[in-house]
Every structure is written in structure tokens, then in C-alpha cells.
């Protein structure tokens, strides 16, 4: 608990004292992989005013929420209460009974906030499993594509079509925006039908 609060306070302090190195050191490996030090520094300078406003709005005794994701899509939500962790939501525990209206309201909220776990928790178990299975299949394809490009040294392209399986019919499209690559979309090539000559 103290460690979490100290990390929040340290990041807040780094922003207020204009210490980008200290702030960057607090980012996890995934965040640092997505944003290089040079990009972070550039954004730091560009968004200085907004960052200061946000840092000053962080309360030193901020309520901390923790969401634990389970492989089946269910979650356990924890929240701090007077410096101690308490369970707010868990499988089998619903905050209140969901009527048809509240289910749709919560679904709209999940989509608006891009809250994937809330989205999954609103689905019936069998539908949730179908969604998770579809994601697992897509993950397998993404891993296949990753293996195709991880050793590539070619930085001259601005767009790449990478096969998602050995059939070479379905591709993920990557596009370069400045120095960063983004997923632009997916495409499936339909076989061309040849007409028989009479």
C-alpha cells in the first residue's frame, strides 16, 4: 500500500519539479517500449501545461483501485479504504442486480471508457467464452505475424502487409506514422475465379 502511494507521489513530484528522467524511470517496461525516451521528452515539453494541471489535481491520499484479470475474463476489483485494500467486486458478487436497462447502460459505459473487462463481465458465460476464444485465435495469428517481422531490418517501408498464417491469405496491415508504427487494419484476399474456356 505504502509502495503504491509512494510511486504515485514520486511521479507527481517528478512532473511538478520538471524532472522527466525521474518520471520516465517510473514507467514500466511496456510503457518504455511503446514510448522511447526521446518521444517521452518531446511529449513532456509539448504537453507541459496539461501535465502540470493533472499532477496538481492528484490528491496525496488518492483512492487507489486495482483490477485483477482472470484468464476467463472475470475480474476482482480492489479499492483502498483508510489505507487498506478491500474487495469491491469479484465473481459471484455483483454491486447491484442488473436490470435490462442497467445492463445496456453499463455496456454503453464500458464502450465509452474502452473498459474491456467491464464489457466481458456483462456477457453471459457462454458468449464470454466465445469472445475469449476468438481473441485467443487472433492472438495466435498476431504471434505468427510477429515471428515474420521480428528479425526484419528494413526501415524503408511506410506500409507493411504481414501474413497472419501460413495460407498467406489473411494479413495485418501496419502503417508508419512519424517514427511509430500503428495497426492500420486487416485484410483477407479472396481467391480469383478463373473462367473456363469453351
Protein backbone atom coordinates (compact mmCIF):
# COMPACT_ATOMS: atom_id res chain seq x y z
CA UNK A 1 0.00 0.00 0.00
CA UNK A 2 2.76 2.43 1.01
CA UNK A 3 4.79 1.46 -2.07
CA UNK A 4 1.87 2.23 -4.40
CA UNK A 5 1.21 5.60 -2.80
CA UNK A 6 4.93 6.43 -2.84
CA UNK A 7 5.11 5.66 -6.58
CA UNK A 8 2.14 7.95 -7.29
CA UNK A 9 3.71 10.69 -5.15
CA UNK A 10 7.09 10.24 -6.86
CA UNK A 11 5.56 10.59 -10.34
CA UNK A 12 3.57 13.64 -9.23
CA UNK A 13 6.71 15.20 -7.76
CA UNK A 14 8.73 14.50 -10.94
CA UNK A 15 6.14 16.29 -13.07
CA UNK A 16 5.83 19.29 -10.75
CA UNK A 17 9.62 19.64 -10.41
CA UNK A 18 10.12 19.25 -14.19
CA UNK A 19 12.21 16.10 -13.86
CA UNK A 20 11.43 13.96 -16.95
CA UNK A 21 14.22 11.45 -16.22
CA UNK A 22 12.70 10.58 -12.84
CA UNK A 23 9.22 10.31 -14.37
CA UNK A 24 10.43 8.08 -17.23
CA UNK A 25 12.24 5.79 -14.77
CA UNK A 26 8.87 5.15 -13.08
CA UNK A 27 7.30 3.81 -16.29
CA UNK A 28 7.14 0.04 -16.66
CA UNK A 29 8.99 -1.81 -19.44
CA UNK A 30 5.91 -2.00 -21.68
CA UNK A 31 5.35 1.76 -21.45
CA UNK A 32 9.03 2.42 -22.18
CA UNK A 33 8.91 0.05 -25.16
CA UNK A 34 5.88 1.87 -26.58
CA UNK A 35 7.40 5.32 -25.92
CA UNK A 36 11.13 5.84 -26.34
CA UNK A 37 12.98 8.31 -24.11
CA UNK A 38 13.23 10.84 -26.99
CA UNK A 39 9.48 10.60 -27.71
CA UNK A 40 8.69 10.89 -24.00
CA UNK A 41 10.88 14.00 -23.69
CA UNK A 42 9.30 15.56 -26.78
CA UNK A 43 5.78 14.95 -25.41
CA UNK A 44 6.90 16.20 -21.97
CA UNK A 45 7.91 19.56 -23.49
CA UNK A 46 4.82 19.83 -25.71
CA UNK A 47 2.27 18.94 -23.02
CA UNK A 48 3.95 20.60 -20.03
CA UNK A 49 0.99 22.80 -19.06
CA UNK A 50 -1.54 19.97 -19.23
CA UNK A 51 0.75 17.60 -17.30
CA UNK A 52 1.19 20.16 -14.52
CA UNK A 53 -2.57 20.64 -14.22
CA UNK A 54 -3.08 16.88 -13.97
CA UNK A 55 -0.24 16.42 -11.47
CA UNK A 56 -1.59 19.19 -9.24
CA UNK A 57 -5.04 17.59 -9.32
CA UNK A 58 -3.72 14.27 -7.93
CA UNK A 59 -4.63 14.08 -4.28
CA UNK A 60 -1.86 12.82 -2.00
CA UNK A 61 -4.34 10.46 -0.41
CA UNK A 62 -5.88 9.40 -3.71
CA UNK A 63 -8.18 6.40 -3.75
CA UNK A 64 -6.32 3.58 -5.47
CA UNK A 65 -8.17 0.97 -7.49
CA UNK A 66 -6.75 -2.35 -8.59
CA UNK A 67 -8.30 -4.67 -11.14
CA UNK A 68 -7.09 -8.30 -11.21
CA UNK A 69 -7.86 -10.00 -14.53
CA UNK A 70 -8.54 -13.74 -14.62
CA UNK A 71 -7.95 -15.90 -17.75
CA UNK A 72 -11.72 -16.50 -18.12
CA UNK A 73 -12.38 -12.76 -18.41
CA UNK A 74 -13.74 -12.35 -14.89
CA UNK A 75 -12.18 -9.76 -12.62
CA UNK A 76 -11.65 -8.93 -8.98
CA UNK A 77 -11.73 -5.23 -8.20
CA UNK A 78 -9.96 -3.88 -5.13
CA UNK A 79 -10.10 -0.40 -3.66
CA UNK A 80 -8.24 1.34 -0.86
CA UNK A 81 -10.24 2.25 2.19
CA UNK A 82 -8.46 4.09 5.01
CA UNK A 83 -5.12 2.78 3.80
CA UNK A 84 -6.19 -0.87 3.47
CA UNK A 85 -7.21 -2.97 0.48
CA UNK A 86 -10.88 -4.02 0.30
CA UNK A 87 -12.67 -6.19 -2.27
CA UNK A 88 -15.17 -4.09 -4.20
CA UNK A 89 -16.24 -6.60 -6.82
CA UNK A 90 -15.48 -10.27 -7.52
CA UNK A 91 -17.00 -13.25 -9.36
CA UNK A 92 -20.32 -14.05 -7.68
CA UNK A 93 -20.54 -10.60 -6.12
CA UNK A 94 -22.49 -8.00 -8.03
CA UNK A 95 -22.71 -4.42 -6.89
CA UNK A 96 -26.44 -4.50 -7.53
CA UNK A 97 -28.94 -6.51 -9.51
CA UNK A 98 -28.68 -5.75 -13.19
CA UNK A 99 -31.93 -4.94 -14.92
CA UNK A 100 -32.09 -4.87 -18.75
CA UNK A 101 -31.79 -1.08 -18.60
CA UNK A 102 -28.70 -1.14 -16.34
CA UNK A 103 -27.02 -3.84 -18.45
CA UNK A 104 -27.33 -1.63 -21.53
CA UNK A 105 -26.30 1.45 -19.57
CA UNK A 106 -23.21 -0.37 -18.28
CA UNK A 107 -22.43 -1.69 -21.77
CA UNK A 108 -22.57 1.85 -23.16
CA UNK A 109 -20.27 2.98 -20.33
CA UNK A 110 -17.84 0.10 -20.99
CA UNK A 111 -17.60 1.00 -24.68
CA UNK A 112 -17.30 4.70 -23.95
CA UNK A 113 -14.45 4.11 -21.49
CA UNK A 114 -12.93 1.31 -23.60
CA UNK A 115 -13.18 -0.86 -20.47
CA UNK A 116 -12.72 -4.36 -21.87
CA UNK A 117 -13.12 -6.15 -18.55
CA UNK A 118 -16.42 -4.43 -17.79
CA UNK A 119 -17.55 -5.36 -21.30
CA UNK A 120 -16.68 -9.04 -20.72
CA UNK A 121 -18.35 -9.13 -17.31
CA UNK A 122 -21.64 -8.03 -18.87
CA UNK A 123 -21.68 -11.04 -21.21
CA UNK A 124 -23.35 -14.36 -20.49
CA UNK A 125 -20.74 -17.07 -19.68
CA UNK A 126 -21.09 -18.92 -22.99
CA UNK A 127 -20.92 -15.71 -25.04
CA UNK A 128 -17.94 -14.51 -22.97
CA UNK A 129 -16.16 -17.81 -23.72
CA UNK A 130 -16.82 -17.38 -27.45
CA UNK A 131 -15.33 -13.87 -27.35
CA UNK A 132 -12.28 -15.06 -25.38
CA UNK A 133 -11.77 -17.98 -27.79
CA UNK A 134 -11.91 -15.56 -30.73
CA UNK A 135 -9.34 -13.33 -29.04
CA UNK A 136 -7.09 -16.36 -28.39
CA UNK A 137 -7.31 -17.27 -32.09
CA UNK A 138 -6.43 -13.67 -33.06
CA UNK A 139 -3.53 -13.70 -30.58
CA UNK A 140 -2.17 -16.83 -32.25
CA UNK A 141 -2.29 -15.00 -35.59
CA UNK A 142 -0.58 -11.90 -34.15
CA UNK A 143 2.21 -14.08 -32.70
CA UNK A 144 2.65 -15.69 -36.12
CA UNK A 145 2.91 -12.22 -37.72
CA UNK A 146 5.36 -11.12 -35.03
CA UNK A 147 7.65 -14.01 -35.87
CA UNK A 148 7.60 -12.93 -39.53
CA UNK A 149 8.90 -9.41 -38.82
CA UNK A 150 10.91 -9.53 -35.58
CA UNK A 151 14.23 -10.01 -37.38
CA UNK A 152 13.48 -7.54 -40.19
CA UNK A 153 15.97 -4.69 -40.60
CA UNK A 154 14.07 -2.97 -43.43
CA UNK A 155 13.05 0.52 -42.26
CA UNK A 156 12.44 1.97 -45.71
CA UNK A 157 8.78 0.97 -45.99
CA UNK A 158 5.84 3.06 -44.78
CA UNK A 159 3.27 0.24 -45.01
CA UNK A 160 3.60 -3.49 -44.39
CA UNK A 161 1.18 -6.34 -45.09
CA UNK A 162 2.17 -9.21 -42.80
CA UNK A 163 0.58 -12.67 -43.17
CA UNK A 164 -1.31 -13.95 -40.13
CA UNK A 165 -0.97 -17.62 -41.02
CA UNK A 166 0.73 -19.95 -43.48
CA UNK A 167 -2.05 -19.64 -46.05
CA UNK A 168 -0.87 -16.09 -46.89
CA UNK A 169 -4.49 -15.04 -47.48
CA UNK A 170 -5.13 -13.02 -44.31
CA UNK A 171 -2.90 -10.07 -43.43
CA UNK A 172 -2.44 -7.46 -40.74
CA UNK A 173 -1.63 -4.03 -42.18
CA UNK A 174 0.91 -1.85 -40.37
CA UNK A 175 1.40 1.79 -41.27
CA UNK A 176 4.13 4.19 -40.20
CA UNK A 177 3.10 7.46 -38.54
CA UNK A 178 6.19 9.59 -37.99
CA UNK A 179 8.62 7.27 -36.21
CA UNK A 180 5.99 4.90 -34.85
CA UNK A 181 4.15 2.01 -36.44
CA UNK A 182 0.41 1.53 -35.91
CA UNK A 183 -2.03 -1.22 -36.85
CA UNK A 184 -3.97 0.14 -39.82
CA UNK A 185 -6.32 -2.81 -40.29
CA UNK A 186 -6.73 -6.35 -41.56
CA UNK A 187 -7.47 -7.74 -44.99
CA UNK A 188 -8.32 -11.09 -46.49
CA UNK A 189 -7.55 -11.84 -50.10
CA UNK A 190 -10.35 -13.65 -51.88
CA UNK A 191 -9.29 -16.19 -54.49
CA UNK A 192 -9.74 -15.09 -58.08
CA UNK A 193 -12.10 -17.34 -60.03
CA UNK A 194 -10.87 -18.28 -63.46
CA UNK A 195 -13.37 -18.79 -66.20
CA UNK A 196 -13.09 -21.93 -68.22
CA UNK A 197 -12.67 -21.54 -71.93
CA UNK A 198 -15.29 -23.22 -74.06
